[in-house]
Amino acid sequence: MLQRLCVEVGRPYDEIEKTIGTRLQPGESAASFVQRCRTFADLGIDHVGVLTTGPWTEEAVAVLAEAVEQLGG
């Protein structure tokens, strides 16, 4: 849909940075989060903003750090 709208208004689709927000669920594994991010990438998403339920915990930060490492970031 975004690509079609870009054609309609004459804006280059490839120049748009596509961003999505997602939530790291309590107890979610790094592998699960990595798979979700890979799915987003397959859809053309360039950036992922991450939220948690409640405050960030050491465990959540560790899971996210492991996921980032697996994603090559």
N, C-alpha and C. Protein backbone atom coordinates (compact mmCIF):
# COMPACT_ATOMS: atom_id res chain seq x y z
N MET A 1 0.81 -1.18 0.00
CA MET A 1 0.00 0.00 0.00
C MET A 1 0.87 1.27 0.00
N LEU A 2 1.90 1.28 0.85
CA LEU A 2 2.78 2.45 0.89
C LEU A 2 3.45 2.67 -0.46
N GLN A 3 3.88 1.58 -1.05
CA GLN A 3 4.56 1.69 -2.35
C GLN A 3 3.60 2.27 -3.39
N ARG A 4 2.36 1.85 -3.38
CA ARG A 4 1.36 2.36 -4.32
C ARG A 4 1.13 3.85 -4.09
N LEU A 5 1.02 4.25 -2.83
CA LEU A 5 0.82 5.67 -2.52
C LEU A 5 2.02 6.51 -2.96
N CYS A 6 3.22 5.96 -2.81
CA CYS A 6 4.41 6.68 -3.26
C CYS A 6 4.35 6.92 -4.77
N VAL A 7 3.93 5.92 -5.52
CA VAL A 7 3.81 6.07 -6.96
C VAL A 7 2.80 7.17 -7.28
N GLU A 8 1.68 7.17 -6.56
CA GLU A 8 0.63 8.15 -6.81
C GLU A 8 1.09 9.59 -6.58
N VAL A 9 1.94 9.80 -5.58
CA VAL A 9 2.38 11.17 -5.27
C VAL A 9 3.76 11.49 -5.84
N GLY A 10 4.38 10.51 -6.48
CA GLY A 10 5.68 10.75 -7.10
C GLY A 10 6.85 10.75 -6.15
N ARG A 11 6.72 10.03 -5.03
CA ARG A 11 7.82 9.96 -4.05
C ARG A 11 8.53 8.62 -4.18
N PRO A 12 9.86 8.62 -4.22
CA PRO A 12 10.60 7.35 -4.31
C PRO A 12 10.41 6.49 -3.06
N TYR A 13 9.84 5.34 -3.23
CA TYR A 13 9.57 4.42 -2.12
C TYR A 13 10.86 4.04 -1.38
N ASP A 14 11.93 3.82 -2.11
CA ASP A 14 13.18 3.36 -1.49
C ASP A 14 13.84 4.42 -0.62
N GLU A 15 13.42 5.67 -0.72
CA GLU A 15 13.99 6.73 0.10
C GLU A 15 13.31 6.85 1.47
N ILE A 16 12.23 6.11 1.67
CA ILE A 16 11.50 6.16 2.94
C ILE A 16 12.05 5.10 3.88
N GLU A 17 12.40 5.51 5.11
CA GLU A 17 12.82 4.57 6.13
C GLU A 17 11.56 4.05 6.83
N LYS A 18 11.35 2.76 6.74
CA LYS A 18 10.15 2.15 7.32
C LYS A 18 10.44 1.70 8.76
N THR A 19 9.60 2.14 9.68
CA THR A 19 9.78 1.89 11.11
C THR A 19 8.53 1.26 11.69
N ILE A 20 8.73 0.37 12.66
CA ILE A 20 7.60 -0.26 13.35
C ILE A 20 7.93 -0.34 14.84
N GLY A 21 6.92 -0.31 15.67
CA GLY A 21 7.09 -0.50 17.11
C GLY A 21 6.57 -1.87 17.49
N THR A 22 7.25 -2.53 18.41
CA THR A 22 6.82 -3.83 18.88
C THR A 22 7.16 -3.95 20.36
N ARG A 23 6.52 -4.89 21.01
CA ARG A 23 6.70 -5.06 22.46
C ARG A 23 7.47 -6.34 22.75
N LEU A 24 8.50 -6.23 23.59
CA LEU A 24 9.18 -7.41 24.11
C LEU A 24 8.31 -7.92 25.26
N GLN A 25 7.74 -9.09 25.06
CA GLN A 25 6.81 -9.64 26.05
C GLN A 25 7.57 -10.19 27.26
N PRO A 26 6.98 -10.11 28.46
CA PRO A 26 7.64 -10.68 29.64
C PRO A 26 7.95 -12.16 29.41
N GLY A 27 9.18 -12.55 29.66
CA GLY A 27 9.58 -13.95 29.50
C GLY A 27 9.87 -14.37 28.07
N GLU A 28 9.76 -13.45 27.12
CA GLU A 28 10.02 -13.79 25.72
C GLU A 28 11.51 -14.08 25.53
N SER A 29 11.80 -15.07 24.70
CA SER A 29 13.20 -15.42 24.43
C SER A 29 13.79 -14.53 23.35
N ALA A 30 15.10 -14.46 23.35
CA ALA A 30 15.79 -13.71 22.30
C ALA A 30 15.50 -14.32 20.94
N ALA A 31 15.44 -15.64 20.86
CA ALA A 31 15.18 -16.32 19.58
C ALA A 31 13.82 -15.93 19.02
N SER A 32 12.83 -15.83 19.87
CA SER A 32 11.49 -15.42 19.44
C SER A 32 11.50 -13.99 18.92
N PHE A 33 12.18 -13.12 19.64
CA PHE A 33 12.24 -11.73 19.23
C PHE A 33 13.02 -11.57 17.93
N VAL A 34 14.10 -12.32 17.78
CA VAL A 34 14.88 -12.30 16.54
C VAL A 34 14.01 -12.72 15.37
N GLN A 35 13.23 -13.77 15.54
CA GLN A 35 12.37 -14.24 14.45
C GLN A 35 11.36 -13.15 14.05
N ARG A 36 10.81 -12.47 15.03
CA ARG A 36 9.87 -11.40 14.73
C ARG A 36 10.56 -10.28 13.94
N CYS A 37 11.76 -9.91 14.37
CA CYS A 37 12.50 -8.86 13.66
C CYS A 37 12.84 -9.29 12.24
N ARG A 38 13.17 -10.54 12.05
CA ARG A 38 13.46 -11.04 10.70
C ARG A 38 12.22 -10.99 9.83
N THR A 39 11.08 -11.28 10.42
CA THR A 39 9.82 -11.19 9.68
C THR A 39 9.56 -9.74 9.26
N PHE A 40 9.81 -8.81 10.18
CA PHE A 40 9.67 -7.39 9.84
C PHE A 40 10.60 -7.02 8.69
N ALA A 41 11.85 -7.48 8.75
CA ALA A 41 12.82 -7.18 7.69
C ALA A 41 12.33 -7.74 6.35
N ASP A 42 11.77 -8.94 6.37
CA ASP A 42 11.23 -9.54 5.15
C ASP A 42 10.11 -8.70 4.56
N LEU A 43 9.42 -7.96 5.42
CA LEU A 43 8.33 -7.08 4.97
C LEU A 43 8.83 -5.71 4.52
N GLY A 44 10.14 -5.48 4.65
CA GLY A 44 10.71 -4.21 4.22
C GLY A 44 10.90 -3.18 5.32
N ILE A 45 10.73 -3.60 6.57
CA ILE A 45 10.89 -2.69 7.70
C ILE A 45 12.39 -2.46 7.95
N ASP A 46 12.78 -1.19 8.10
CA ASP A 46 14.18 -0.84 8.31
C ASP A 46 14.57 -0.72 9.78
N HIS A 47 13.65 -0.26 10.63
CA HIS A 47 13.95 0.02 12.03
C HIS A 47 12.82 -0.51 12.91
N VAL A 48 13.21 -1.00 14.11
CA VAL A 48 12.23 -1.51 15.08
C VAL A 48 12.43 -0.76 16.40
N GLY A 49 11.36 -0.14 16.90
CA GLY A 49 11.35 0.46 18.22
C GLY A 49 10.80 -0.57 19.19
N VAL A 50 11.42 -0.73 20.35
CA VAL A 50 11.03 -1.79 21.29
C VAL A 50 10.50 -1.20 22.59
N LEU A 51 9.35 -1.71 23.01
CA LEU A 51 8.72 -1.34 24.28
C LEU A 51 8.65 -2.56 25.18
N THR A 52 8.44 -2.34 26.46
CA THR A 52 8.17 -3.44 27.38
C THR A 52 6.90 -3.14 28.14
N THR A 53 6.38 -4.16 28.78
CA THR A 53 5.26 -3.97 29.69
C THR A 53 5.87 -3.57 31.02
N GLY A 54 5.62 -2.36 31.46
CA GLY A 54 6.23 -1.89 32.69
C GLY A 54 7.66 -1.42 32.44
N PRO A 55 8.41 -1.22 33.50
CA PRO A 55 9.77 -0.71 33.35
C PRO A 55 10.70 -1.77 32.77
N TRP A 56 11.79 -1.29 32.15
CA TRP A 56 12.81 -2.21 31.66
C TRP A 56 13.46 -2.90 32.86
N THR A 57 13.69 -4.20 32.74
CA THR A 57 14.38 -4.96 33.77
C THR A 57 15.73 -5.41 33.22
N GLU A 58 16.61 -5.84 34.11
CA GLU A 58 17.90 -6.37 33.66
C GLU A 58 17.69 -7.56 32.73
N GLU A 59 16.70 -8.39 33.04
CA GLU A 59 16.42 -9.57 32.22
C GLU A 59 15.98 -9.16 30.81
N ALA A 60 15.10 -8.18 30.72
CA ALA A 60 14.61 -7.73 29.41
C ALA A 60 15.74 -7.12 28.59
N VAL A 61 16.59 -6.33 29.25
CA VAL A 61 17.73 -5.72 28.54
C VAL A 61 18.68 -6.82 28.05
N ALA A 62 18.90 -7.85 28.86
CA ALA A 62 19.78 -8.95 28.47
C ALA A 62 19.20 -9.70 27.26
N VAL A 63 17.90 -9.93 27.26
CA VAL A 63 17.25 -10.60 26.13
C VAL A 63 17.39 -9.76 24.88
N LEU A 64 17.15 -8.49 25.01
CA LEU A 64 17.26 -7.59 23.85
C LEU A 64 18.70 -7.52 23.35
N ALA A 65 19.68 -7.47 24.26
CA ALA A 65 21.08 -7.43 23.86
C ALA A 65 21.46 -8.71 23.11
N GLU A 66 20.98 -9.85 23.58
CA GLU A 66 21.25 -11.12 22.89
C GLU A 66 20.62 -11.13 21.50
N ALA A 67 19.40 -10.60 21.40
CA ALA A 67 18.72 -10.55 20.11
C ALA A 67 19.48 -9.65 19.14
N VAL A 68 19.94 -8.50 19.61
CA VAL A 68 20.69 -7.57 18.76
C VAL A 68 21.97 -8.25 18.25
N GLU A 69 22.63 -8.97 19.14
CA GLU A 69 23.86 -9.68 18.74
C GLU A 69 23.54 -10.71 17.65
N GLN A 70 22.46 -11.46 17.81
CA GLN A 70 22.08 -12.46 16.81
C GLN A 70 21.69 -11.84 15.48
N LEU A 71 21.17 -10.62 15.54
CA LEU A 71 20.76 -9.92 14.32
C LEU A 71 21.94 -9.22 13.65
N GLY A 72 23.10 -9.27 14.28
CA GLY A 72 24.28 -8.67 13.69
C GLY A 72 24.42 -7.19 13.95
N GLY A 73 23.76 -6.71 15.00
CA GLY A 73 23.78 -5.28 15.29
C GLY A 73 24.78 -4.94 16.29
